[in-house]
Amino acid sequence: MSAYYEEPFTPAETAILGRFFTNTDRPVFGLINLPEVVKGALFARYSRTHKSVRRLFLDEFVDNADLGIEAIAANLQNEDAIIKFRRAEELYDRVFFEYGDDSVAQLGGVHLACEQASNVLTKVLEWGRIAAYLEQSTRYIAYDRPLGERFRYFVPEEIKGAGLEDAFTDYMERIFTFYSKAVERLVDHFAAIYPHQASDSDVVWRSTIRAKAYDTVRGILPAATQSNVGIYGTGQAYEMALVRMQAHPLAEVRTYGALMLDELRKQIPAFMKRVDLPERGLAWSNYLAASAGAVAHIAGSLDEQPEETDEVTLVDWDQDAELKVAAAALYAATELPDSQLLRHVERLPSEERARILRAYVGDRRNRRHKPGRAMERVSYRFDILSDYGAFRDLQRHRMLTIEWQRLTTRFGYDTPVEVAEAGFLEEWDALMQRASDLSEQVGAATNADVAQYVVPFAYRIRYMIEMNAREAFHLLELRTQPAGHPSYRRVCQEMHRQIRDVAGHEIIADAMQFVDYSDPGLERIDEERRLEAKRANKG
């Protein structure tokens, strides 16, 4: 039996899909023969629908006259779409190898749909910086909708091989059944707390209530939960991803990487030639695996227990941050070398340095108005121990440096107060305890990497975030907005507080004026109102 669900399509649907997708029967496939805006729109819908991209295309895009899909299909004249790509690739192939420059691989891109990926795998897929990702959201989609004959979870080959498949699937079925019941009870619970206001439409109110229910109960979802990820990347980005995936200890990651390579070779084969060459990509993969193994061996000899830590700890920062940013702010506007500017700013009174910084930040009218690259002169390093759900959201910020440890049950879990208020705390705790027991059992029979699949999102994971001040503006102002999930809002609010109070960088922290400390109650209500207004304006 295949590890992946094969979505059923009629012969007529398969004929249509064959013109616009590299396959119709695998969980990884490329988007072809479509305008870039249509590809982008398809992936944009990923986060808020349970449908696969191919089903979404059939249901919402094919018959849309404004998109011209029918005209595009007619112009293909029954020619195999992949053959057309191969003809174009012959030219690219010659150029790529004639110049021998990796930068050429940055000039060709592919939209790749990666479906039925576990939440362990999605973090691997989203590791790279030089690509764009869009993943299904736990806020907008009910995860109790089955794929075929079972709920949406992945069963690792390692667990099957250890004889634990029955125990694993039994626990998954219990979790998803509980999730389904809990969502409906929470919808009723929140509907009673936040009654429908006459000023809001029924759509706005129901969408907001259901999103809050999904947010509250998402902690019970296990890391084995399957998701869909849309990726747009260059040839270089995909090559780097596949080299990493070949070296990964988990079978799912390696197998999925092979599926991706097959589909990418249908579209940009010139850029994929080195991935599995023994002297190139495989040698690189072996290097990554060997170095990771050497570090793991040393780490295994550490005879220490983790210290108690706060959820967020600022562990490293520059004592002279504001002085250095002030000097960097002047750099582009002068003809002076950096060292001279630093000496100049050091001699200034603190009030004058503050004046430079405030002038550089300027009059910010909204959070998208960010100061320039002088803010990249200084960095902050945070050690964080938060629930896995918050980590999943923060990990997507690729312009910072993030490293994480394995997901485990040993740091405990967070429980939303609403779980107790809605009356299912006992069942929640029982499922969390079962996760702890089963993950230990799986870990003993396989290894700690495989044990991650069992662990629910509510369990805490330790990770490190290091970012410069400019990225901090983006991350902290975006992720503290009232519409955000309470768990990552709390983490980002605390990071902002520590920049101000622990590092003492009051001017930089105060310039992040759109960091939001409010308690909105219904997180999505204002956003849903804005969306409805946009829909009304468009008729």
Protein backbone atom coordinates (compact mmCIF):
# COMPACT_ATOMS: atom_id res chain seq x y z
CA MET A 1 0.00 0.00 0.00
CA SER A 2 1.31 3.44 -0.95
CA ALA A 3 2.16 5.82 1.88
CA TYR A 4 0.19 8.51 0.04
CA TYR A 5 -3.47 8.87 -0.83
CA GLU A 6 -4.12 8.99 -4.59
CA GLU A 7 -6.82 11.53 -5.25
CA PRO A 8 -9.50 10.26 -7.66
CA PHE A 9 -10.14 12.17 -10.89
CA THR A 10 -12.49 11.32 -13.75
CA PRO A 11 -10.97 10.65 -17.20
CA ALA A 12 -12.16 14.09 -18.33
CA GLU A 13 -10.57 15.76 -15.31
CA THR A 14 -7.34 13.84 -15.84
CA ALA A 15 -7.19 15.07 -19.43
CA ILE A 16 -7.50 18.68 -18.28
CA LEU A 17 -5.00 18.30 -15.45
CA GLY A 18 -2.44 16.65 -17.71
CA ARG A 19 -2.02 19.92 -19.60
CA PHE A 20 -1.23 21.99 -16.52
CA PHE A 21 0.41 19.65 -13.99
CA THR A 22 3.40 17.34 -14.31
CA ASN A 23 1.40 14.38 -13.00
CA THR A 24 -2.09 13.56 -11.71
CA ASP A 25 -1.39 10.70 -9.31
CA ARG A 26 1.49 11.67 -6.99
CA PRO A 27 1.68 14.00 -3.96
CA VAL A 28 4.46 16.11 -5.53
CA PHE A 29 3.88 17.83 -8.86
CA GLY A 30 4.78 20.95 -10.80
CA LEU A 31 2.52 23.63 -12.26
CA ILE A 32 3.04 24.18 -16.00
CA ASN A 33 1.55 26.13 -18.94
CA LEU A 34 -0.15 28.60 -16.62
CA PRO A 35 0.37 32.37 -16.22
CA GLU A 36 2.45 33.25 -13.15
CA VAL A 37 -0.47 35.11 -11.59
CA VAL A 38 -2.65 31.98 -11.80
CA LYS A 39 0.06 29.84 -10.20
CA GLY A 40 0.39 32.41 -7.43
CA ALA A 41 -3.37 32.54 -6.91
CA LEU A 42 -3.58 28.74 -6.67
CA PHE A 43 -0.89 28.65 -3.99
CA ALA A 44 -2.44 31.62 -2.18
CA ARG A 45 -5.61 29.58 -1.75
CA TYR A 46 -3.59 26.73 -0.18
CA SER A 47 -3.61 28.22 3.31
CA ARG A 48 -7.39 28.42 3.55
CA THR A 49 -8.72 25.31 1.85
CA HIS A 50 -8.65 21.60 2.53
CA LYS A 51 -8.52 20.93 -1.22
CA SER A 52 -5.45 19.84 -3.13
CA VAL A 53 -4.16 22.25 -5.79
CA ARG A 54 -5.39 20.00 -8.59
CA ARG A 55 -8.89 19.77 -7.15
CA LEU A 56 -8.88 23.51 -6.46
CA PHE A 57 -7.87 24.15 -10.07
CA LEU A 58 -10.75 22.04 -11.37
CA ASP A 59 -13.34 23.50 -9.01
CA GLU A 60 -12.47 27.18 -9.03
CA PHE A 61 -10.13 28.03 -11.91
CA VAL A 62 -10.85 26.00 -15.05
CA ASP A 63 -14.26 27.54 -15.74
CA ASN A 64 -13.28 31.08 -14.74
CA ALA A 65 -13.58 32.96 -18.04
CA ASP A 66 -11.45 35.86 -16.78
CA LEU A 67 -8.43 33.58 -16.40
CA GLY A 68 -8.50 32.26 -19.96
CA ILE A 69 -7.63 28.68 -18.99
CA GLU A 70 -9.75 27.26 -21.81
CA ALA A 71 -7.93 29.40 -24.38
CA ILE A 72 -4.54 28.32 -23.04
CA ALA A 73 -5.54 24.66 -23.26
CA ALA A 74 -6.72 25.10 -26.85
CA ASN A 75 -3.42 26.65 -27.88
CA LEU A 76 -1.46 23.66 -26.57
CA GLN A 77 -2.69 21.73 -29.64
CA ASN A 78 -2.55 18.35 -27.95
CA GLU A 79 1.25 18.47 -27.68
CA ASP A 80 2.82 16.93 -24.62
CA ALA A 81 3.57 19.83 -22.29
CA ILE A 82 6.69 18.13 -20.97
CA ILE A 83 8.13 17.88 -24.50
CA LYS A 84 7.87 21.66 -24.81
CA PHE A 85 9.81 22.07 -21.59
CA ARG A 86 12.49 19.69 -22.81
CA ARG A 87 13.03 21.74 -25.97
CA ALA A 88 13.49 24.91 -23.94
CA GLU A 89 15.77 23.08 -21.51
CA GLU A 90 18.17 22.08 -24.30
CA LEU A 91 19.18 25.73 -24.65
CA TYR A 92 19.37 26.30 -20.89
CA ASP A 93 21.41 23.12 -20.54
CA ARG A 94 24.06 24.38 -22.95
CA VAL A 95 24.24 27.79 -21.29
CA PHE A 96 24.38 26.34 -17.79
CA PHE A 97 27.31 24.05 -18.49
CA GLU A 98 29.12 26.45 -20.84
CA TYR A 99 29.29 29.19 -18.21
CA GLY A 100 29.60 26.85 -15.24
CA ASP A 101 28.22 29.55 -12.94
CA ASP A 102 25.90 28.68 -10.08
CA SER A 103 24.26 32.09 -10.45
CA VAL A 104 22.67 30.87 -13.70
CA ALA A 105 20.63 28.45 -11.57
CA GLN A 106 19.07 31.45 -9.84
CA LEU A 107 17.38 32.55 -13.05
CA GLY A 108 14.94 29.67 -13.60
CA GLY A 109 12.06 29.02 -11.20
CA VAL A 110 9.39 26.38 -10.62
CA HIS A 111 6.09 26.27 -8.75
CA LEU A 112 6.02 22.90 -6.98
CA ALA A 113 3.10 21.52 -5.01
CA CYS A 114 4.13 19.35 -2.05
CA GLU A 115 1.07 17.61 -0.63
CA GLN A 116 0.46 15.13 2.19
CA ALA A 117 3.69 16.18 3.93
CA SER A 118 3.90 15.59 7.67
CA ASN A 119 4.56 18.56 9.91
CA VAL A 120 8.01 17.13 10.54
CA LEU A 121 8.68 17.23 6.80
CA THR A 122 7.20 20.72 6.26
CA LYS A 123 9.88 22.20 8.53
CA VAL A 124 12.55 20.56 6.35
CA LEU A 125 10.90 21.85 3.17
CA GLU A 126 10.75 25.39 4.56
CA TRP A 127 14.35 25.51 5.74
CA GLY A 128 15.81 27.36 2.75
CA ARG A 129 15.98 31.15 2.60
CA ILE A 130 15.93 31.69 -1.16
CA ALA A 131 12.46 30.33 -1.90
CA ALA A 132 8.83 31.23 -1.17
CA TYR A 133 6.51 28.92 0.77
CA LEU A 134 2.81 28.83 1.53
CA GLU A 135 1.41 26.18 3.86
CA GLN A 136 -2.08 25.18 4.89
CA SER A 137 -3.16 26.98 8.04
CA THR A 138 -4.45 25.27 11.16
CA ARG A 139 -6.57 28.40 11.70
CA TYR A 140 -8.78 28.11 8.62
CA ILE A 141 -8.99 24.38 7.89
CA ALA A 142 -10.66 21.59 9.82
CA TYR A 143 -8.13 18.79 10.13
CA ASP A 144 -10.77 16.15 10.80
CA ARG A 145 -11.58 15.81 7.09
CA PRO A 146 -10.17 12.38 6.11
CA LEU A 147 -7.89 11.55 3.23
CA GLY A 148 -9.33 8.35 1.84
CA GLU A 149 -10.04 5.89 4.63
CA ARG A 150 -8.26 7.64 7.49
CA PHE A 151 -7.56 11.02 9.01
CA ARG A 152 -4.78 13.27 7.74
CA TYR A 153 -1.68 11.80 9.32
CA PHE A 154 1.48 10.15 8.01
CA VAL A 155 2.62 6.70 9.15
CA PRO A 156 6.46 6.54 9.02
CA GLU A 157 8.14 3.49 7.56
CA GLU A 158 10.35 3.28 10.66
CA ILE A 159 7.27 2.81 12.87
CA LYS A 160 5.91 0.12 10.58
CA GLY A 161 9.26 -1.64 10.63
CA ALA A 162 9.33 -1.57 14.44
CA GLY A 163 5.94 -3.31 14.65
CA LEU A 164 4.26 -0.25 16.19
CA GLU A 165 1.93 0.69 13.35
CA ASP A 166 -1.23 -0.48 15.16
CA ALA A 167 -0.38 1.41 18.36
CA PHE A 168 0.53 4.49 16.34
CA THR A 169 -2.60 4.52 14.14
CA ASP A 170 -4.84 3.79 17.14
CA TYR A 171 -3.46 6.84 18.91
CA MET A 172 -3.77 9.01 15.77
CA GLU A 173 -7.40 8.00 15.35
CA ARG A 174 -8.09 8.91 18.99
CA ILE A 175 -6.43 12.31 18.62
CA PHE A 176 -8.25 13.30 15.44
CA THR A 177 -11.60 12.06 16.77
CA PHE A 178 -11.07 14.17 19.88
CA TYR A 179 -10.03 17.13 17.71
CA SER A 180 -13.28 16.89 15.73
CA LYS A 181 -15.46 16.82 18.84
CA ALA A 182 -13.46 19.56 20.55
CA VAL A 183 -13.81 21.95 17.61
CA GLU A 184 -17.59 21.71 17.69
CA ARG A 185 -17.75 22.12 21.47
CA LEU A 186 -15.44 25.12 21.31
CA VAL A 187 -17.52 26.72 18.56
CA ASP A 188 -20.55 26.53 20.87
CA HIS A 189 -18.43 27.71 23.81
CA PHE A 190 -17.11 30.80 22.01
CA ALA A 191 -20.48 31.55 20.43
CA ALA A 192 -21.91 31.87 23.94
CA ILE A 193 -19.03 34.09 25.12
CA TYR A 194 -18.96 36.28 22.02
CA PRO A 195 -22.57 36.57 20.80
CA HIS A 196 -23.32 37.72 17.28
CA GLN A 197 -23.28 41.50 17.04
CA ALA A 198 -25.86 43.15 14.80
CA SER A 199 -23.10 45.17 13.13
CA ASP A 200 -21.38 42.01 11.85
CA SER A 201 -22.62 39.72 9.13
CA ASP A 202 -23.24 36.08 9.89
CA VAL A 203 -20.24 35.14 7.70
CA VAL A 204 -17.87 37.41 9.65
CA TRP A 205 -19.06 36.15 13.03
CA ARG A 206 -19.05 32.45 12.16
CA SER A 207 -15.64 32.63 10.46
CA THR A 208 -14.16 34.37 13.50
CA ILE A 209 -15.68 31.95 16.02
CA ARG A 210 -14.55 28.91 14.07
CA ALA A 211 -11.02 30.32 13.61
CA LYS A 212 -10.78 30.81 17.40
CA ALA A 213 -11.92 27.22 17.95
CA TYR A 214 -9.29 25.92 15.50
CA ASP A 215 -6.61 28.07 17.17
CA THR A 216 -7.50 26.78 20.62
CA VAL A 217 -7.53 23.08 19.82
CA ARG A 218 -4.63 22.99 17.35
CA GLY A 219 -2.30 21.94 20.17
CA ILE A 220 -3.74 18.43 20.09
CA LEU A 221 -2.68 17.90 16.47
CA PRO A 222 0.40 15.64 16.23
CA ALA A 223 3.55 16.34 14.21
CA ALA A 224 2.46 13.47 11.94
CA THR A 225 -0.43 15.67 10.73
CA GLN A 226 -0.25 16.04 6.96
CA SER A 227 -0.25 19.44 5.29
CA ASN A 228 0.08 20.88 1.80
CA VAL A 229 2.94 23.25 0.97
CA GLY A 230 3.27 25.35 -2.15
CA ILE A 231 6.86 26.26 -3.06
CA TYR A 232 8.22 28.70 -5.61
CA GLY A 233 11.97 28.39 -5.88
CA THR A 234 14.89 28.80 -8.23
CA GLY A 235 16.91 25.89 -9.52
CA GLN A 236 19.62 26.71 -7.00
CA ALA A 237 17.12 26.74 -4.11
CA TYR A 238 15.76 23.33 -5.07
CA GLU A 239 19.23 21.86 -5.57
CA MET A 240 20.28 22.95 -2.07
CA ALA A 241 17.04 21.59 -0.57
CA LEU A 242 17.41 18.19 -2.24
CA VAL A 243 21.04 17.85 -1.20
CA ARG A 244 19.96 18.42 2.43
CA MET A 245 17.03 16.01 2.10
CA GLN A 246 19.27 13.21 0.75
CA ALA A 247 21.28 13.47 3.98
CA HIS A 248 18.30 13.47 6.34
CA PRO A 249 17.90 10.67 8.92
CA LEU A 250 14.14 10.26 8.30
CA ALA A 251 12.90 8.00 5.51
CA GLU A 252 9.94 10.28 4.76
CA VAL A 253 12.26 13.19 3.99
CA ARG A 254 14.54 11.14 1.75
CA THR A 255 11.63 9.54 -0.11
CA TYR A 256 9.88 12.85 -0.58
CA GLY A 257 13.10 14.41 -1.86
CA ALA A 258 13.26 11.71 -4.55
CA LEU A 259 9.66 12.52 -5.58
CA MET A 260 10.56 16.21 -5.82
CA LEU A 261 13.63 15.45 -7.90
CA ASP A 262 11.56 13.41 -10.38
CA GLU A 263 9.12 16.30 -10.91
CA LEU A 264 11.80 18.98 -11.09
CA ARG A 265 13.64 17.01 -13.75
CA LYS A 266 10.54 17.28 -15.90
CA GLN A 267 10.82 21.09 -15.79
CA ILE A 268 14.39 22.22 -15.03
CA PRO A 269 16.53 19.13 -15.63
CA ALA A 270 19.69 21.15 -16.32
CA PHE A 271 19.62 22.50 -12.76
CA MET A 272 19.03 19.07 -11.26
CA LYS A 273 21.87 17.15 -12.91
CA ARG A 274 24.27 17.54 -10.00
CA VAL A 275 21.90 16.56 -7.19
CA ASP A 276 22.61 12.81 -7.23
CA LEU A 277 25.97 12.70 -9.00
CA PRO A 278 28.40 10.76 -6.77
CA GLU A 279 31.15 13.39 -7.02
CA ARG A 280 28.79 16.39 -6.61
CA GLY A 281 25.41 16.30 -4.87
CA LEU A 282 25.86 12.94 -3.17
CA ALA A 283 29.32 13.93 -1.94
CA TRP A 284 27.77 17.08 -0.47
CA SER A 285 24.98 15.07 1.16
CA ASN A 286 27.50 12.65 2.62
CA TYR A 287 29.47 15.58 4.03
CA LEU A 288 26.35 16.98 5.72
CA ALA A 289 25.41 13.58 7.17
CA ALA A 290 28.95 12.91 8.42
CA SER A 291 29.36 16.28 10.12
CA ALA A 292 25.91 16.02 11.73
CA GLY A 293 26.77 12.53 12.97
CA ALA A 294 30.08 13.70 14.42
CA VAL A 295 28.40 16.51 16.36
CA ALA A 296 25.65 14.16 17.56
CA HIS A 297 28.30 11.76 18.85
CA ILE A 298 29.96 14.52 20.87
CA ALA A 299 26.59 15.80 22.12
CA GLY A 300 25.69 12.29 23.25
CA SER A 301 28.56 12.36 25.72
CA LEU A 302 27.23 15.43 27.56
CA ASP A 303 26.21 14.35 31.04
CA GLU A 304 24.02 17.33 31.96
CA GLN A 305 20.32 17.91 32.47
CA PRO A 306 18.58 20.98 30.98
CA GLU A 307 18.34 23.95 33.30
CA GLU A 308 15.00 25.57 34.01
CA THR A 309 14.54 28.52 31.64
CA ASP A 310 11.89 31.10 30.87
CA GLU A 311 9.85 30.87 27.71
CA VAL A 312 12.02 33.60 26.12
CA THR A 313 15.60 34.45 27.10
CA LEU A 314 17.73 37.12 25.44
CA VAL A 315 21.17 35.52 25.60
CA ASP A 316 23.34 37.78 23.44
CA TRP A 317 23.25 41.39 22.25
CA ASP A 318 25.57 44.29 21.48
CA GLN A 319 26.11 46.70 24.37
CA ASP A 320 26.91 49.51 21.90
CA ALA A 321 24.03 48.75 19.55
CA GLU A 322 22.47 52.21 19.40
CA LEU A 323 25.87 53.90 18.94
CA LYS A 324 26.69 51.56 16.03
CA VAL A 325 23.29 52.01 14.39
CA ALA A 326 23.66 55.81 14.63
CA ALA A 327 27.05 55.61 12.89
CA ALA A 328 25.67 53.25 10.24
CA ALA A 329 22.74 55.60 9.66
CA LEU A 330 25.18 58.40 8.73
CA TYR A 331 27.37 56.23 6.49
CA ALA A 332 25.50 56.51 3.16
CA ALA A 333 24.97 60.27 3.62
CA THR A 334 28.69 61.08 4.13
CA GLU A 335 32.08 60.39 2.57
CA LEU A 336 33.62 59.25 5.86
CA PRO A 337 34.89 55.71 6.54
CA ASP A 338 33.01 53.53 9.02
CA SER A 339 35.72 53.69 11.67
CA GLN A 340 35.76 57.50 11.62
CA LEU A 341 31.98 57.68 11.91
CA LEU A 342 32.09 55.38 14.92
CA ARG A 343 34.63 57.64 16.64
CA HIS A 344 32.54 60.68 15.78
CA VAL A 345 29.33 59.23 17.20
CA GLU A 346 31.14 58.05 20.33
CA ARG A 347 32.03 61.70 21.10
CA LEU A 348 28.44 62.90 20.73
CA PRO A 349 26.15 63.44 23.73
CA SER A 350 23.53 60.71 24.10
CA GLU A 351 20.77 63.20 23.15
CA GLU A 352 22.48 63.88 19.80
CA ARG A 353 22.86 60.14 19.07
CA ALA A 354 19.18 59.71 19.87
CA ARG A 355 18.35 62.54 17.44
CA ILE A 356 20.24 60.72 14.66
CA LEU A 357 18.38 57.48 15.35
CA ARG A 358 14.98 59.16 15.46
CA ALA A 359 15.69 60.98 12.22
CA TYR A 360 16.72 57.71 10.60
CA VAL A 361 13.58 55.91 11.76
CA GLY A 362 11.44 58.83 10.61
CA ASP A 363 7.67 59.19 10.78
CA ARG A 364 6.38 55.65 10.40
CA ARG A 365 2.72 55.66 9.37
CA ASN A 366 2.31 51.87 9.44
CA ARG A 367 4.36 48.76 10.21
CA ARG A 368 5.41 48.34 6.57
CA HIS A 369 7.41 51.57 6.79
CA LYS A 370 10.66 50.15 8.14
CA PRO A 371 13.99 51.89 8.69
CA GLY A 372 16.90 50.99 6.42
CA ARG A 373 19.89 48.70 6.54
CA ALA A 374 21.69 50.58 9.30
CA MET A 375 19.42 48.55 11.60
CA GLU A 376 21.20 45.43 10.34
CA ARG A 377 24.35 46.59 12.15
CA VAL A 378 23.29 44.88 15.41
CA SER A 379 21.75 41.52 16.33
CA TYR A 380 19.81 39.82 19.12
CA ARG A 381 19.98 36.13 20.00
CA PHE A 382 17.04 34.53 21.84
CA ASP A 383 16.68 31.06 23.35
CA ILE A 384 13.00 30.11 23.26
CA LEU A 385 11.03 27.27 24.80
CA SER A 386 7.50 27.55 23.41
CA ASP A 387 4.82 25.20 22.17
CA TYR A 388 5.46 23.62 18.78
CA GLY A 389 2.52 25.48 17.26
CA ALA A 390 4.17 28.87 17.91
CA PHE A 391 7.48 27.55 16.59
CA ARG A 392 5.83 26.46 13.33
CA ASP A 393 4.70 30.03 12.67
CA LEU A 394 7.92 31.76 13.68
CA GLN A 395 10.09 29.29 11.75
CA ARG A 396 8.71 30.63 8.48
CA HIS A 397 10.62 33.90 8.87
CA ARG A 398 13.57 32.99 6.70
CA MET A 399 15.61 36.20 6.89
CA LEU A 400 16.64 35.42 10.46
CA THR A 401 18.78 32.59 11.77
CA ILE A 402 16.83 29.80 13.44
CA GLU A 403 17.97 26.45 14.78
CA TRP A 404 15.81 23.99 16.65
CA GLN A 405 16.16 20.85 18.70
CA ARG A 406 14.13 17.70 18.25
CA LEU A 407 10.48 17.82 19.24
CA THR A 408 10.05 15.86 22.46
CA THR A 409 7.54 15.49 25.30
CA ARG A 410 10.16 16.13 27.98
CA PHE A 411 9.58 19.88 28.29
CA GLY A 412 5.87 19.53 29.03
CA TYR A 413 2.94 21.07 27.18
CA ASP A 414 0.76 24.17 27.21
CA THR A 415 -2.98 23.97 27.76
CA PRO A 416 -5.27 26.84 26.70
CA VAL A 417 -7.56 27.95 29.54
CA GLU A 418 -10.51 27.49 27.19
CA VAL A 419 -9.91 23.72 27.15
CA ALA A 420 -10.79 23.57 30.84
CA GLU A 421 -13.61 26.11 30.46
CA ALA A 422 -15.19 24.01 27.70
CA GLY A 423 -15.05 20.91 29.89
CA PHE A 424 -12.57 18.55 28.24
CA LEU A 425 -9.38 19.11 30.20
CA GLU A 426 -9.31 15.53 31.52
CA GLU A 427 -9.44 14.01 28.03
CA TRP A 428 -6.84 16.54 26.79
CA ASP A 429 -4.43 15.58 29.58
CA ALA A 430 -5.01 11.87 28.99
CA LEU A 431 -4.13 12.21 25.30
CA MET A 432 -1.03 14.23 26.17
CA GLN A 433 0.09 11.57 28.62
CA ARG A 434 -0.49 8.87 26.02
CA ALA A 435 1.65 10.90 23.59
CA SER A 436 4.46 10.97 26.12
CA ASP A 437 4.27 7.21 26.69
CA LEU A 438 4.03 6.33 23.00
CA SER A 439 6.83 8.70 21.95
CA GLU A 440 9.14 7.06 24.51
CA GLN A 441 8.11 3.64 23.17
CA VAL A 442 8.72 4.69 19.55
CA GLY A 443 12.01 6.34 20.47
CA ALA A 444 13.25 3.19 22.18
CA ALA A 445 12.24 1.00 19.22
CA THR A 446 13.54 3.37 16.52
CA ASN A 447 15.20 6.67 17.44
CA ALA A 448 14.45 10.18 18.73
CA ASP A 449 13.93 11.57 15.22
CA VAL A 450 11.08 9.14 14.50
CA ALA A 451 9.53 9.71 17.95
CA GLN A 452 8.74 13.29 16.91
CA TYR A 453 5.82 12.15 14.74
CA VAL A 454 3.82 11.20 17.84
CA VAL A 455 4.16 14.52 19.67
CA PRO A 456 1.25 17.04 19.62
CA PHE A 457 1.75 20.72 18.82
CA ALA A 458 1.03 21.73 22.43
CA TYR A 459 4.31 20.23 23.62
CA ARG A 460 7.21 22.64 23.98
CA ILE A 461 10.25 22.71 21.74
CA ARG A 462 13.50 24.57 22.31
CA TYR A 463 14.81 26.74 19.50
CA MET A 464 17.12 29.68 18.91
CA ILE A 465 16.29 32.83 16.95
CA GLU A 466 19.01 35.30 16.03
CA MET A 467 18.06 38.39 14.05
CA ASN A 468 19.27 41.87 13.33
CA ALA A 469 17.25 44.85 14.50
CA ARG A 470 15.73 45.43 11.07
CA GLU A 471 14.33 41.92 10.94
CA ALA A 472 13.10 42.40 14.52
CA PHE A 473 10.94 45.29 13.29
CA HIS A 474 9.33 42.94 10.76
CA LEU A 475 8.93 39.88 12.97
CA LEU A 476 7.81 41.52 16.20
CA GLU A 477 5.41 44.03 14.69
CA LEU A 478 3.82 41.46 12.37
CA ARG A 479 3.54 38.61 14.87
CA THR A 480 2.06 40.72 17.68
CA GLN A 481 -0.86 42.00 15.62
CA PRO A 482 -4.25 41.32 17.27
CA ALA A 483 -5.16 38.76 14.59
CA GLY A 484 -2.17 36.56 15.50
CA HIS A 485 -2.26 33.35 17.52
CA PRO A 486 -1.93 34.04 21.28
CA SER A 487 1.05 31.70 21.71
CA TYR A 488 3.38 33.38 19.24
CA ARG A 489 2.06 36.84 20.12
CA ARG A 490 3.21 36.21 23.69
CA VAL A 491 6.67 35.09 22.54
CA CYS A 492 7.15 38.14 20.32
CA GLN A 493 5.86 40.57 22.94
CA GLU A 494 8.42 39.19 25.36
CA MET A 495 11.23 39.45 22.80
CA HIS A 496 10.35 43.11 22.32
CA ARG A 497 10.24 43.74 26.07
CA GLN A 498 13.69 42.20 26.53
CA ILE A 499 15.22 44.28 23.74
CA ARG A 500 14.01 47.32 25.65
CA ASP A 501 14.50 46.27 29.26
CA VAL A 502 17.26 43.62 29.24
CA ALA A 503 19.45 44.94 26.43
CA GLY A 504 18.51 48.51 27.34
CA HIS A 505 17.98 49.54 23.71
CA GLU A 506 15.07 51.83 24.44
CA ILE A 507 15.31 53.96 21.30
CA ILE A 508 15.34 50.91 19.00
CA ALA A 509 12.52 49.23 20.94
CA ASP A 510 10.42 52.39 21.01
CA ALA A 511 10.84 52.76 17.24
CA MET A 512 9.00 49.42 16.93
CA GLN A 513 5.83 51.39 17.58
CA PHE A 514 3.51 48.85 16.00
CA VAL A 515 4.30 46.03 18.45
CA ASP A 516 0.85 45.32 19.90
CA TYR A 517 0.28 44.34 23.53
CA SER A 518 -3.53 44.39 23.42
CA ASP A 519 -5.84 41.48 24.30
CA PRO A 520 -8.32 41.31 21.41
CA GLY A 521 -10.49 38.43 22.64
CA LEU A 522 -11.70 37.42 19.19
CA GLU A 523 -8.40 37.58 17.33
CA ARG A 524 -9.76 37.43 13.79
CA ILE A 525 -12.79 39.71 14.05
CA ASP A 526 -11.22 42.91 12.67
CA GLU A 527 -9.48 41.04 9.86
CA GLU A 528 -12.70 39.30 8.86
CA ARG A 529 -14.47 42.68 8.83
CA ARG A 530 -11.79 44.11 6.56
CA LEU A 531 -12.04 41.12 4.22
CA GLU A 532 -15.81 41.48 3.97
CA ALA A 533 -15.41 45.19 3.20
CA LYS A 534 -12.97 44.34 0.41
CA ARG A 535 -15.39 41.79 -1.03
CA ALA A 536 -18.21 44.33 -0.91
CA ASN A 537 -16.08 46.97 -2.66
CA LYS A 538 -15.37 44.50 -5.46
CA GLY A 539 -19.06 43.72 -5.83
